[in-house]
């Protein structure tokens, strides 16, 4: 394996925050759902099986790092994925753990 670039070394704290935030299983589920489309908070809570209160706490952490954005339409709040970095991390995880990954890559 080659060494990390100078640029990555300069941004190591930011990268660690991204990975730490995405490293929570529930937040990773949220990001996976938002990858394909915008979704209302109530529908998202139902899909994940969390109360809206618990979901709100996870969404606040994702918003803090600008991984998701919110849009209000009347009384409804919709969330969408807004981070290209998060998309790239998901693509890498899909390569490792997705349906097409080799069994040895998953261990």
PDB file of N, CA and C in Angstrom:
ATOM      1  N   UNK A   1       0.839  -1.175   0.000  1.00  0.00           N
ATOM      2  CA  UNK A   1       0.000   0.000   0.000  1.00  0.00           C
ATOM      3  C   UNK A   1       0.884   1.239   0.000  1.00  0.00           C
ATOM      4  N   UNK A   2       0.504   2.211  -0.785  1.00  0.00           N
ATOM      5  CA  UNK A   2       1.295   3.435  -0.835  1.00  0.00           C
ATOM      6  C   UNK A   2       0.949   4.345   0.342  1.00  0.00           C
ATOM      7  N   UNK A   3       1.812   5.321   0.586  1.00  0.00           N
ATOM      8  CA  UNK A   3       1.591   6.283   1.669  1.00  0.00           C
ATOM      9  C   UNK A   3       0.461   7.237   1.329  1.00  0.00           C
ATOM     10  N   UNK A   4      -0.149   7.802   2.361  1.00  0.00           N
ATOM     11  CA  UNK A   4      -1.190   8.812   2.164  1.00  0.00           C
ATOM     12  C   UNK A   4      -0.562  10.073   1.598  1.00  0.00           C
ATOM     13  N   UNK A   5      -1.337  10.768   0.785  1.00  0.00           N
ATOM     14  CA  UNK A   5      -0.846  11.999   0.171  1.00  0.00           C
ATOM     15  C   UNK A   5      -0.682  13.090   1.219  1.00  0.00           C
ATOM     16  N   UNK A   6       0.093  14.086   0.868  1.00  0.00           N
ATOM     17  CA  UNK A   6       0.283  15.248   1.734  1.00  0.00           C
ATOM     18  C   UNK A   6      -1.060  15.915   1.986  1.00  0.00           C
ATOM     19  N   UNK A   7      -1.882  15.989   0.945  1.00  0.00           N
ATOM     20  CA  UNK A   7      -3.194  16.617   1.064  1.00  0.00           C
ATOM     21  C   UNK A   7      -4.078  15.868   2.058  1.00  0.00           C
ATOM     22  N   UNK A   8      -4.082  14.543   2.000  1.00  0.00           N
ATOM     23  CA  UNK A   8      -4.874  13.762   2.949  1.00  0.00           C
ATOM     24  C   UNK A   8      -4.353  13.970   4.365  1.00  0.00           C
ATOM     25  N   UNK A   9      -3.043  13.975   4.519  1.00  0.00           N
ATOM     26  CA  UNK A   9      -2.469  14.200   5.844  1.00  0.00           C
ATOM     27  C   UNK A   9      -2.874  15.554   6.414  1.00  0.00           C
ATOM     28  N   UNK A  10      -2.992  16.571   5.553  1.00  0.00           N
ATOM     29  CA  UNK A  10      -3.415  17.904   6.004  1.00  0.00           C
ATOM     30  C   UNK A  10      -4.886  17.904   6.410  1.00  0.00           C
ATOM     31  N   UNK A  11      -5.668  17.029   5.818  1.00  0.00           N
ATOM     32  CA  UNK A  11      -7.111  16.993   6.057  1.00  0.00           C
ATOM     33  C   UNK A  11      -7.546  15.790   6.894  1.00  0.00           C
ATOM     34  N   UNK A  12      -6.617  15.218   7.627  1.00  0.00           N
ATOM     35  CA  UNK A  12      -6.902  13.991   8.365  1.00  0.00           C
ATOM     36  C   UNK A  12      -8.008  14.195   9.409  1.00  0.00           C
ATOM     37  N   UNK A  13      -8.064  15.340  10.061  1.00  0.00           N
ATOM     38  CA  UNK A  13      -9.119  15.581  11.056  1.00  0.00           C
ATOM     39  C   UNK A  13     -10.498  15.623  10.406  1.00  0.00           C
ATOM     40  N   UNK A  14     -10.585  16.283   9.262  1.00  0.00           N
ATOM     41  CA  UNK A  14     -11.856  16.363   8.539  1.00  0.00           C
ATOM     42  C   UNK A  14     -12.287  14.974   8.060  1.00  0.00           C
ATOM     43  N   UNK A  15     -11.333  14.190   7.560  1.00  0.00           N
ATOM     44  CA  UNK A  15     -11.644  12.829   7.108  1.00  0.00           C
ATOM     45  C   UNK A  15     -12.116  11.969   8.279  1.00  0.00           C
ATOM     46  N   UNK A  16     -11.474  12.120   9.426  1.00  0.00           N
ATOM     47  CA  UNK A  16     -11.865  11.349  10.610  1.00  0.00           C
ATOM     48  C   UNK A  16     -13.280  11.713  11.064  1.00  0.00           C
ATOM     49  N   UNK A  17     -13.631  12.994  10.996  1.00  0.00           N
ATOM     50  CA  UNK A  17     -14.991  13.416  11.364  1.00  0.00           C
ATOM     51  C   UNK A  17     -16.022  12.796  10.424  1.00  0.00           C
ATOM     52  N   UNK A  18     -15.710  12.787   9.129  1.00  0.00           N
ATOM     53  CA  UNK A  18     -16.621  12.184   8.148  1.00  0.00           C
ATOM     54  C   UNK A  18     -16.821  10.702   8.449  1.00  0.00           C
ATOM     55  N   UNK A  19     -15.726   9.980   8.642  1.00  0.00           N
ATOM     56  CA  UNK A  19     -15.819   8.540   8.893  1.00  0.00           C
ATOM     57  C   UNK A  19     -16.491   8.240  10.227  1.00  0.00           C
ATOM     58  N   UNK A  20     -16.224   9.052  11.234  1.00  0.00           N
ATOM     59  CA  UNK A  20     -16.852   8.863  12.536  1.00  0.00           C
ATOM     60  C   UNK A  20     -18.362   9.064  12.447  1.00  0.00           C
ATOM     61  N   UNK A  21     -18.773  10.098  11.748  1.00  0.00           N
ATOM     62  CA  UNK A  21     -20.201  10.380  11.597  1.00  0.00           C
ATOM     63  C   UNK A  21     -20.885   9.289  10.788  1.00  0.00           C
ATOM     64  N   UNK A  22     -20.264   8.870   9.699  1.00  0.00           N
ATOM     65  CA  UNK A  22     -20.855   7.825   8.860  1.00  0.00           C
ATOM     66  C   UNK A  22     -20.719   6.444   9.491  1.00  0.00           C
ATOM     67  N   UNK A  23     -19.853   6.300  10.493  1.00  0.00           N
ATOM     68  CA  UNK A  23     -19.581   5.010  11.105  1.00  0.00           C
ATOM     69  C   UNK A  23     -20.682   4.485  12.004  1.00  0.00           C
ATOM     70  N   UNK A  24     -21.659   5.303  12.319  1.00  0.00           N
ATOM     71  CA  UNK A  24     -22.801   4.861  13.104  1.00  0.00           C
ATOM     72  C   UNK A  24     -23.765   4.111  12.175  1.00  0.00           C
ATOM     73  N   UNK A  25     -24.207   2.933  12.589  1.00  0.00           N
ATOM     74  CA  UNK A  25     -25.042   2.094  11.718  1.00  0.00           C
ATOM     75  C   UNK A  25     -26.328   2.791  11.286  1.00  0.00           C
ATOM     76  N   UNK A  26     -26.982   3.487  12.184  1.00  0.00           N
ATOM     77  CA  UNK A  26     -28.232   4.175  11.831  1.00  0.00           C
ATOM     78  C   UNK A  26     -27.974   5.311  10.848  1.00  0.00           C
ATOM     79  N   UNK A  27     -26.923   6.082  11.083  1.00  0.00           N
ATOM     80  CA  UNK A  27     -26.619   7.182  10.163  1.00  0.00           C
ATOM     81  C   UNK A  27     -26.206   6.646   8.799  1.00  0.00           C
ATOM     82  N   UNK A  28     -25.525   5.522   8.783  1.00  0.00           N
ATOM     83  CA  UNK A  28     -25.163   4.911   7.508  1.00  0.00           C
ATOM     84  C   UNK A  28     -26.418   4.457   6.766  1.00  0.00           C
ATOM     85  N   UNK A  29     -27.388   3.919   7.482  1.00  0.00           N
ATOM     86  CA  UNK A  29     -28.669   3.547   6.863  1.00  0.00           C
ATOM     87  C   UNK A  29     -29.361   4.776   6.284  1.00  0.00           C
ATOM     88  N   UNK A  30     -29.368   5.858   7.035  1.00  0.00           N
ATOM     89  CA  UNK A  30     -29.997   7.098   6.573  1.00  0.00           C
ATOM     90  C   UNK A  30     -29.350   7.557   5.279  1.00  0.00           C
ATOM     91  N   UNK A  31     -28.034   7.572   5.248  1.00  0.00           N
ATOM     92  CA  UNK A  31     -27.305   8.028   4.062  1.00  0.00           C
ATOM     93  C   UNK A  31     -27.590   7.114   2.878  1.00  0.00           C
ATOM     94  N   UNK A  32     -27.656   5.806   3.114  1.00  0.00           N
ATOM     95  CA  UNK A  32     -27.969   4.866   2.027  1.00  0.00           C
ATOM     96  C   UNK A  32     -29.347   5.149   1.436  1.00  0.00           C
ATOM     97  N   UNK A  33     -30.319   5.416   2.288  1.00  0.00           N
ATOM     98  CA  UNK A  33     -31.671   5.713   1.805  1.00  0.00           C
ATOM     99  C   UNK A  33     -31.685   7.017   1.021  1.00  0.00           C
ATOM    100  N   UNK A  34     -30.975   8.016   1.520  1.00  0.00           N
ATOM    101  CA  UNK A  34     -30.968   9.328   0.868  1.00  0.00           C
ATOM    102  C   UNK A  34     -30.142   9.348  -0.415  1.00  0.00           C
ATOM    103  N   UNK A  35     -29.357   8.322  -0.641  1.00  0.00           N
ATOM    104  CA  UNK A  35     -28.532   8.263  -1.848  1.00  0.00           C
ATOM    105  C   UNK A  35     -29.378   8.329  -3.105  1.00  0.00           C
ATOM    106  N   UNK A  36     -30.539   7.697  -3.083  1.00  0.00           N
ATOM    107  CA  UNK A  36     -31.366   7.605  -4.283  1.00  0.00           C
ATOM    108  C   UNK A  36     -32.384   8.716  -4.437  1.00  0.00           C
ATOM    109  N   UNK A  37     -32.853   9.269  -3.321  1.00  0.00           N
ATOM    110  CA  UNK A  37     -33.885  10.298  -3.450  1.00  0.00           C
ATOM    111  C   UNK A  37     -34.099  11.046  -2.150  1.00  0.00           C
ATOM    112  N   UNK A  38     -34.763  12.156  -2.287  1.00  0.00           N
ATOM    113  CA  UNK A  38     -35.198  12.958  -1.150  1.00  0.00           C
ATOM    114  C   UNK A  38     -36.352  12.218  -0.477  1.00  0.00           C
ATOM    115  N   UNK A  39     -36.455  12.360   0.839  1.00  0.00           N
ATOM    116  CA  UNK A  39     -37.522  11.660   1.560  1.00  0.00           C
ATOM    117  C   UNK A  39     -37.986  12.501   2.746  1.00  0.00           C
ATOM    118  N   UNK A  40     -39.271  12.401   3.049  1.00  0.00           N
ATOM    119  CA  UNK A  40     -39.844  13.110   4.194  1.00  0.00           C
ATOM    120  C   UNK A  40     -39.383  12.459   5.494  1.00  0.00           C
ATOM    121  N   UNK A  41     -39.271  13.264   6.542  1.00  0.00           N
ATOM    122  CA  UNK A  41     -38.788  12.778   7.829  1.00  0.00           C
ATOM    123  C   UNK A  41     -39.635  11.614   8.344  1.00  0.00           C
ATOM    124  N   UNK A  42     -40.940  11.728   8.263  1.00  0.00           N
ATOM    125  CA  UNK A  42     -41.813  10.657   8.756  1.00  0.00           C
ATOM    126  C   UNK A  42     -41.591   9.346   8.027  1.00  0.00           C
ATOM    127  N   UNK A  43     -41.462   9.413   6.718  1.00  0.00           N
ATOM    128  CA  UNK A  43     -41.220   8.205   5.920  1.00  0.00           C
ATOM    129  C   UNK A  43     -39.848   7.618   6.227  1.00  0.00           C
ATOM    130  N   UNK A  44     -38.870   8.485   6.438  1.00  0.00           N
ATOM    131  CA  UNK A  44     -37.520   8.032   6.771  1.00  0.00           C
ATOM    132  C   UNK A  44     -37.515   7.332   8.129  1.00  0.00           C
ATOM    133  N   UNK A  45     -38.194   7.907   9.105  1.00  0.00           N
ATOM    134  CA  UNK A  45     -38.280   7.298  10.439  1.00  0.00           C
ATOM    135  C   UNK A  45     -38.923   5.917  10.358  1.00  0.00           C
ATOM    136  N   UNK A  46     -39.964   5.804   9.543  1.00  0.00           N
ATOM    137  CA  UNK A  46     -40.653   4.526   9.380  1.00  0.00           C
ATOM    138  C   UNK A  46     -39.749   3.489   8.713  1.00  0.00           C
ATOM    139  N   UNK A  47     -39.025   3.898   7.675  1.00  0.00           N
ATOM    140  CA  UNK A  47     -38.130   2.966   6.964  1.00  0.00           C
ATOM    141  C   UNK A  47     -37.037   2.430   7.872  1.00  0.00           C
ATOM    142  N   UNK A  48     -36.525   3.280   8.739  1.00  0.00           N
ATOM    143  CA  UNK A  48     -35.405   2.895   9.591  1.00  0.00           C
ATOM    144  C   UNK A  48     -35.867   2.274  10.904  1.00  0.00           C
ATOM    145  N   UNK A  49     -37.097   2.564  11.299  1.00  0.00           N
ATOM    146  CA  UNK A  49     -37.612   2.019  12.548  1.00  0.00           C
ATOM    147  C   UNK A  49     -37.181   2.811  13.767  1.00  0.00           C
ATOM    148  N   UNK A  50     -37.056   4.116  13.605  1.00  0.00           N
ATOM    149  CA  UNK A  50     -36.699   5.001  14.712  1.00  0.00           C
ATOM    150  C   UNK A  50     -37.836   5.972  14.984  1.00  0.00           C
ATOM    151  N   UNK A  51     -37.893   6.456  16.210  1.00  0.00           N
ATOM    152  CA  UNK A  51     -38.831   7.536  16.506  1.00  0.00           C
ATOM    153  C   UNK A  51     -38.328   8.792  15.798  1.00  0.00           C
ATOM    154  N   UNK A  52     -39.228   9.735  15.566  1.00  0.00           N
ATOM    155  CA  UNK A  52     -38.801  10.972  14.915  1.00  0.00           C
ATOM    156  C   UNK A  52     -37.804  11.724  15.784  1.00  0.00           C
ATOM    157  N   UNK A  53     -37.926  11.596  17.092  1.00  0.00           N
ATOM    158  CA  UNK A  53     -36.993  12.251  18.008  1.00  0.00           C
ATOM    159  C   UNK A  53     -35.579  11.683  17.852  1.00  0.00           C
ATOM    160  N   UNK A  54     -35.466  10.365  17.839  1.00  0.00           N
ATOM    161  CA  UNK A  54     -34.154   9.726  17.673  1.00  0.00           C
ATOM    162  C   UNK A  54     -33.584  10.031  16.292  1.00  0.00           C
ATOM    163  N   UNK A  55     -34.436   9.974  15.274  1.00  0.00           N
ATOM    164  CA  UNK A  55     -33.995  10.281  13.915  1.00  0.00           C
ATOM    165  C   UNK A  55     -33.489  11.712  13.829  1.00  0.00           C
ATOM    166  N   UNK A  56     -34.175  12.625  14.483  1.00  0.00           N
ATOM    167  CA  UNK A  56     -33.794  14.031  14.470  1.00  0.00           C
ATOM    168  C   UNK A  56     -32.378  14.231  15.001  1.00  0.00           C
ATOM    169  N   UNK A  57     -32.016  13.479  16.025  1.00  0.00           N
ATOM    170  CA  UNK A  57     -30.665  13.586  16.586  1.00  0.00           C
ATOM    171  C   UNK A  57     -29.617  13.124  15.577  1.00  0.00           C
ATOM    172  N   UNK A  58     -29.905  12.043  14.874  1.00  0.00           N
ATOM    173  CA  UNK A  58     -28.970  11.560  13.851  1.00  0.00           C
ATOM    174  C   UNK A  58     -28.869  12.555  12.696  1.00  0.00           C
ATOM    175  N   UNK A  59     -30.001  13.083  12.265  1.00  0.00           N
ATOM    176  CA  UNK A  59     -30.001  14.047  11.160  1.00  0.00           C
ATOM    177  C   UNK A  59     -29.247  15.316  11.532  1.00  0.00           C
ATOM    178  N   UNK A  60     -29.324  15.724  12.792  1.00  0.00           N
ATOM    179  CA  UNK A  60     -28.592  16.916  13.242  1.00  0.00           C
ATOM    180  C   UNK A  60     -27.088  16.710  13.085  1.00  0.00           C
ATOM    181  N   UNK A  61     -26.609  15.520  13.412  1.00  0.00           N
ATOM    182  CA  UNK A  61     -25.176  15.233  13.260  1.00  0.00           C
ATOM    183  C   UNK A  61     -24.776  15.217  11.786  1.00  0.00           C
ATOM    184  N   UNK A  62     -25.638  14.691  10.939  1.00  0.00           N
ATOM    185  CA  UNK A  62     -25.357  14.666   9.500  1.00  0.00           C
ATOM    186  C   UNK A  62     -25.401  16.074   8.908  1.00  0.00           C
ATOM    187  N   UNK A  63     -26.332  16.889   9.380  1.00  0.00           N
ATOM    188  CA  UNK A  63     -26.418  18.285   8.913  1.00  0.00           C
ATOM    189  C   UNK A  63     -25.195  19.081   9.345  1.00  0.00           C
ATOM    190  N   UNK A  64     -24.715  18.819  10.548  1.00  0.00           N
ATOM    191  CA  UNK A  64     -23.564  19.552  11.091  1.00  0.00           C
ATOM    192  C   UNK A  64     -22.348  19.435  10.174  1.00  0.00           C
ATOM    193  N   UNK A  65     -22.187  18.293   9.537  1.00  0.00           N
ATOM    194  CA  UNK A  65     -21.066  18.089   8.605  1.00  0.00           C
ATOM    195  C   UNK A  65     -21.466  18.336   7.158  1.00  0.00           C
ATOM    196  N   UNK A  66     -22.663  18.880   6.954  1.00  0.00           N
ATOM    197  CA  UNK A  66     -23.176  19.167   5.608  1.00  0.00           C
ATOM    198  C   UNK A  66     -23.276  17.918   4.738  1.00  0.00           C
ATOM    199  N   UNK A  67     -23.587  16.789   5.361  1.00  0.00           N
ATOM    200  CA  UNK A  67     -23.767  15.555   4.596  1.00  0.00           C
ATOM    201  C   UNK A  67     -25.174  15.471   4.024  1.00  0.00           C
ATOM    202  N   UNK A  68     -26.129  16.107   4.704  1.00  0.00           N
ATOM    203  CA  UNK A  68     -27.509  16.142   4.230  1.00  0.00           C
ATOM    204  C   UNK A  68     -28.026  17.576   4.278  1.00  0.00           C
ATOM    205  N   UNK A  69     -29.057  17.823   3.479  1.00  0.00           N
ATOM    206  CA  UNK A  69     -29.733  19.119   3.516  1.00  0.00           C
ATOM    207  C   UNK A  69     -31.226  18.882   3.705  1.00  0.00           C
ATOM    208  N   UNK A  70     -31.869  19.885   4.275  1.00  0.00           N
ATOM    209  CA  UNK A  70     -33.303  19.812   4.534  1.00  0.00           C
ATOM    210  C   UNK A  70     -34.025  20.835   3.673  1.00  0.00           C
ATOM    211  N   UNK A  71     -35.228  20.461   3.259  1.00  0.00           N
ATOM    212  CA  UNK A  71     -36.096  21.360   2.498  1.00  0.00           C
ATOM    213  C   UNK A  71     -37.485  21.271   3.105  1.00  0.00           C
ATOM    214  N   UNK A  72     -38.047  22.435   3.417  1.00  0.00           N
ATOM    215  CA  UNK A  72     -39.390  22.471   3.997  1.00  0.00           C
ATOM    216  C   UNK A  72     -40.408  22.773   2.910  1.00  0.00           C
ATOM    217  N   UNK A  73     -41.489  21.998   2.921  1.00  0.00           N
ATOM    218  CA  UNK A  73     -42.614  22.227   2.020  1.00  0.00           C
ATOM    219  C   UNK A  73     -43.867  22.227   2.886  1.00  0.00           C
ATOM    220  N   UNK A  74     -44.376  23.410   3.164  1.00  0.00           N
ATOM    221  CA  UNK A  74     -45.507  23.584   4.087  1.00  0.00           C
ATOM    222  C   UNK A  74     -45.122  23.002   5.445  1.00  0.00           C
ATOM    223  N   UNK A  75     -45.834  21.969   5.888  1.00  0.00           N
ATOM    224  CA  UNK A  75     -45.536  21.389   7.200  1.00  0.00           C
ATOM    225  C   UNK A  75     -44.598  20.190   7.125  1.00  0.00           C
ATOM    226  N   UNK A  76     -44.161  19.834   5.943  1.00  0.00           N
ATOM    227  CA  UNK A  76     -43.317  18.649   5.775  1.00  0.00           C
ATOM    228  C   UNK A  76     -41.859  19.046   5.591  1.00  0.00           C
ATOM    229  N   UNK A  77     -40.977  18.235   6.168  1.00  0.00           N
ATOM    230  CA  UNK A  77     -39.543  18.450   6.049  1.00  0.00           C
ATOM    231  C   UNK A  77     -38.960  17.278   5.271  1.00  0.00           C
ATOM    232  N   UNK A  78     -38.232  17.584   4.214  1.00  0.00           N
ATOM    233  CA  UNK A  78     -37.627  16.570   3.350  1.00  0.00           C
ATOM    234  C   UNK A  78     -36.112  16.655   3.449  1.00  0.00           C
ATOM    235  N   UNK A  79     -35.468  15.498   3.449  1.00  0.00           N
ATOM    236  CA  UNK A  79     -34.009  15.447   3.502  1.00  0.00           C
ATOM    237  C   UNK A  79     -33.458  14.817   2.239  1.00  0.00           C
ATOM    238  N   UNK A  80     -32.263  15.278   1.866  1.00  0.00           N
ATOM    239  CA  UNK A  80     -31.551  14.695   0.732  1.00  0.00           C
ATOM    240  C   UNK A  80     -30.060  14.677   1.046  1.00  0.00           C
ATOM    241  N   UNK A  81     -29.353  13.808   0.369  1.00  0.00           N
ATOM    242  CA  UNK A  81     -27.906  13.698   0.524  1.00  0.00           C
ATOM    243  C   UNK A  81     -27.250  14.838  -0.233  1.00  0.00           C
ATOM    244  N   UNK A  82     -26.285  15.507   0.396  1.00  0.00           N
ATOM    245  CA  UNK A  82     -25.676  16.672  -0.243  1.00  0.00           C
ATOM    246  C   UNK A  82     -24.157  16.606  -0.291  1.00  0.00           C
ATOM    247  N   UNK A  83     -23.580  15.482   0.064  1.00  0.00           N
ATOM    248  CA  UNK A  83     -22.127  15.369   0.154  1.00  0.00           C
ATOM    249  C   UNK A  83     -21.573  14.382  -0.870  1.00  0.00           C
ATOM    250  N   UNK A  84     -20.741  14.887  -1.744  1.00  0.00           N
ATOM    251  CA  UNK A  84     -20.069  14.013  -2.712  1.00  0.00           C
ATOM    252  C   UNK A  84     -19.114  13.062  -1.995  1.00  0.00           C
ATOM    253  N   UNK A  85     -18.511  13.524  -0.905  1.00  0.00           N
ATOM    254  CA  UNK A  85     -17.615  12.662  -0.126  1.00  0.00           C
ATOM    255  C   UNK A  85     -18.382  11.462   0.435  1.00  0.00           C
ATOM    256  N   UNK A  86     -19.588  11.700   0.927  1.00  0.00           N
ATOM    257  CA  UNK A  86     -20.405  10.604   1.458  1.00  0.00           C
ATOM    258  C   UNK A  86     -20.755   9.610   0.356  1.00  0.00           C
ATOM    259  N   UNK A  87     -21.046  10.117  -0.830  1.00  0.00           N
ATOM    260  CA  UNK A  87     -21.353   9.243  -1.972  1.00  0.00           C
ATOM    261  C   UNK A  87     -20.146   8.363  -2.289  1.00  0.00           C
ATOM    262  N   UNK A  88     -18.963   8.936  -2.291  1.00  0.00           N
ATOM    263  CA  UNK A  88     -17.751   8.165  -2.591  1.00  0.00           C
ATOM    264  C   UNK A  88     -17.491   7.099  -1.533  1.00  0.00           C
ATOM    265  N   UNK A  89     -17.728   7.434  -0.264  1.00  0.00           N
ATOM    266  CA  UNK A  89     -17.567   6.443   0.803  1.00  0.00           C
ATOM    267  C   UNK A  89     -18.567   5.306   0.605  1.00  0.00           C
ATOM    268  N   UNK A  90     -19.816   5.638   0.274  1.00  0.00           N
ATOM    269  CA  UNK A  90     -20.828   4.602   0.020  1.00  0.00           C
ATOM    270  C   UNK A  90     -20.440   3.717  -1.159  1.00  0.00           C
ATOM    271  N   UNK A  91     -19.902   4.315  -2.211  1.00  0.00           N
ATOM    272  CA  UNK A  91     -19.465   3.524  -3.367  1.00  0.00           C
ATOM    273  C   UNK A  91     -18.376   2.540  -2.961  1.00  0.00           C
ATOM    274  N   UNK A  92     -17.448   2.981  -2.130  1.00  0.00           N
ATOM    275  CA  UNK A  92     -16.383   2.103  -1.655  1.00  0.00           C
ATOM    276  C   UNK A  92     -16.950   0.985  -0.788  1.00  0.00           C
ATOM    277  N   UNK A  93     -17.876   1.327   0.111  1.00  0.00           N
ATOM    278  CA  UNK A  93     -18.506   0.307   0.951  1.00  0.00           C
ATOM    279  C   UNK A  93     -19.293  -0.693   0.112  1.00  0.00           C
ATOM    280  N   UNK A  94     -19.945  -0.213  -0.932  1.00  0.00           N
ATOM    281  CA  UNK A  94     -20.684  -1.103  -1.836  1.00  0.00           C
ATOM    282  C   UNK A  94     -19.724  -2.067  -2.531  1.00  0.00           C
ATOM    283  N   UNK A  95     -18.557  -1.571  -2.942  1.00  0.00           N
ATOM    284  CA  UNK A  95     -17.555  -2.435  -3.570  1.00  0.00           C
ATOM    285  C   UNK A  95     -17.090  -3.531  -2.612  1.00  0.00           C
ATOM    286  N   UNK A  96     -16.971  -3.185  -1.335  1.00  0.00           N
ATOM    287  CA  UNK A  96     -16.466  -4.140  -0.348  1.00  0.00           C
ATOM    288  C   UNK A  96     -17.567  -5.071   0.157  1.00  0.00           C
ATOM    289  N   UNK A  97     -18.732  -4.518   0.481  1.00  0.00           N
ATOM    290  CA  UNK A  97     -19.778  -5.284   1.160  1.00  0.00           C
ATOM    291  C   UNK A  97     -21.036  -5.524   0.339  1.00  0.00           C
ATOM    292  N   UNK A  98     -21.136  -4.945  -0.836  1.00  0.00           N
ATOM    293  CA  UNK A  98     -22.347  -5.048  -1.650  1.00  0.00           C
ATOM    294  C   UNK A  98     -22.544  -6.413  -2.266  1.00  0.00           C
ATOM    295  N   UNK A  99     -23.619  -6.545  -3.017  1.00  0.00           N
ATOM    296  CA  UNK A  99     -23.992  -7.826  -3.622  1.00  0.00           C
ATOM    297  C   UNK A  99     -22.922  -8.394  -4.542  1.00  0.00           C
ATOM    298  N   UNK A 100     -22.182  -7.522  -5.221  1.00  0.00           N
ATOM    299  CA  UNK A 100     -21.180  -7.995  -6.173  1.00  0.00           C
ATOM    300  C   UNK A 100     -19.804  -8.217  -5.574  1.00  0.00           C
ATOM    301  N   UNK A 101     -19.647  -7.968  -4.282  1.00  0.00           N
ATOM    302  CA  UNK A 101     -18.334  -8.103  -3.643  1.00  0.00           C
ATOM    303  C   UNK A 101     -17.972  -9.575  -3.478  1.00  0.00           C
ATOM    304  N   UNK A 102     -16.684  -9.850  -3.551  1.00  0.00           N
ATOM    305  CA  UNK A 102     -16.238 -11.223  -3.343  1.00  0.00           C
ATOM    306  C   UNK A 102     -16.316 -11.560  -1.856  1.00  0.00           C
ATOM    307  N   UNK A 103     -16.583 -12.813  -1.514  1.00  0.00           N
ATOM    308  CA  UNK A 103     -16.691 -13.203  -0.102  1.00  0.00           C
ATOM    309  C   UNK A 103     -15.432 -12.895   0.696  1.00  0.00           C
ATOM    310  N   UNK A 104     -14.264 -12.984   0.082  1.00  0.00           N
ATOM    311  CA  UNK A 104     -13.025 -12.699   0.807  1.00  0.00           C
ATOM    312  C   UNK A 104     -12.879 -11.216   1.111  1.00  0.00           C
ATOM    313  N   UNK A 105     -13.489 -10.355   0.302  1.00  0.00           N
ATOM    314  CA  UNK A 105     -13.395  -8.915   0.537  1.00  0.00           C
ATOM    315  C   UNK A 105     -14.204  -8.499   1.756  1.00  0.00           C
ATOM    316  N   UNK A 106     -15.178  -9.297   2.151  1.00  0.00           N
ATOM    317  CA  UNK A 106     -16.064  -8.937   3.262  1.00  0.00           C
ATOM    318  C   UNK A 106     -15.475  -9.256   4.624  1.00  0.00           C
ATOM    319  N   UNK A 107     -14.420 -10.019   4.674  1.00  0.00           N
ATOM    320  CA  UNK A 107     -13.876 -10.415   5.979  1.00  0.00           C
ATOM    321  C   UNK A 107     -12.862  -9.439   6.505  1.00  0.00           C
TER     322      UNK A 107
END
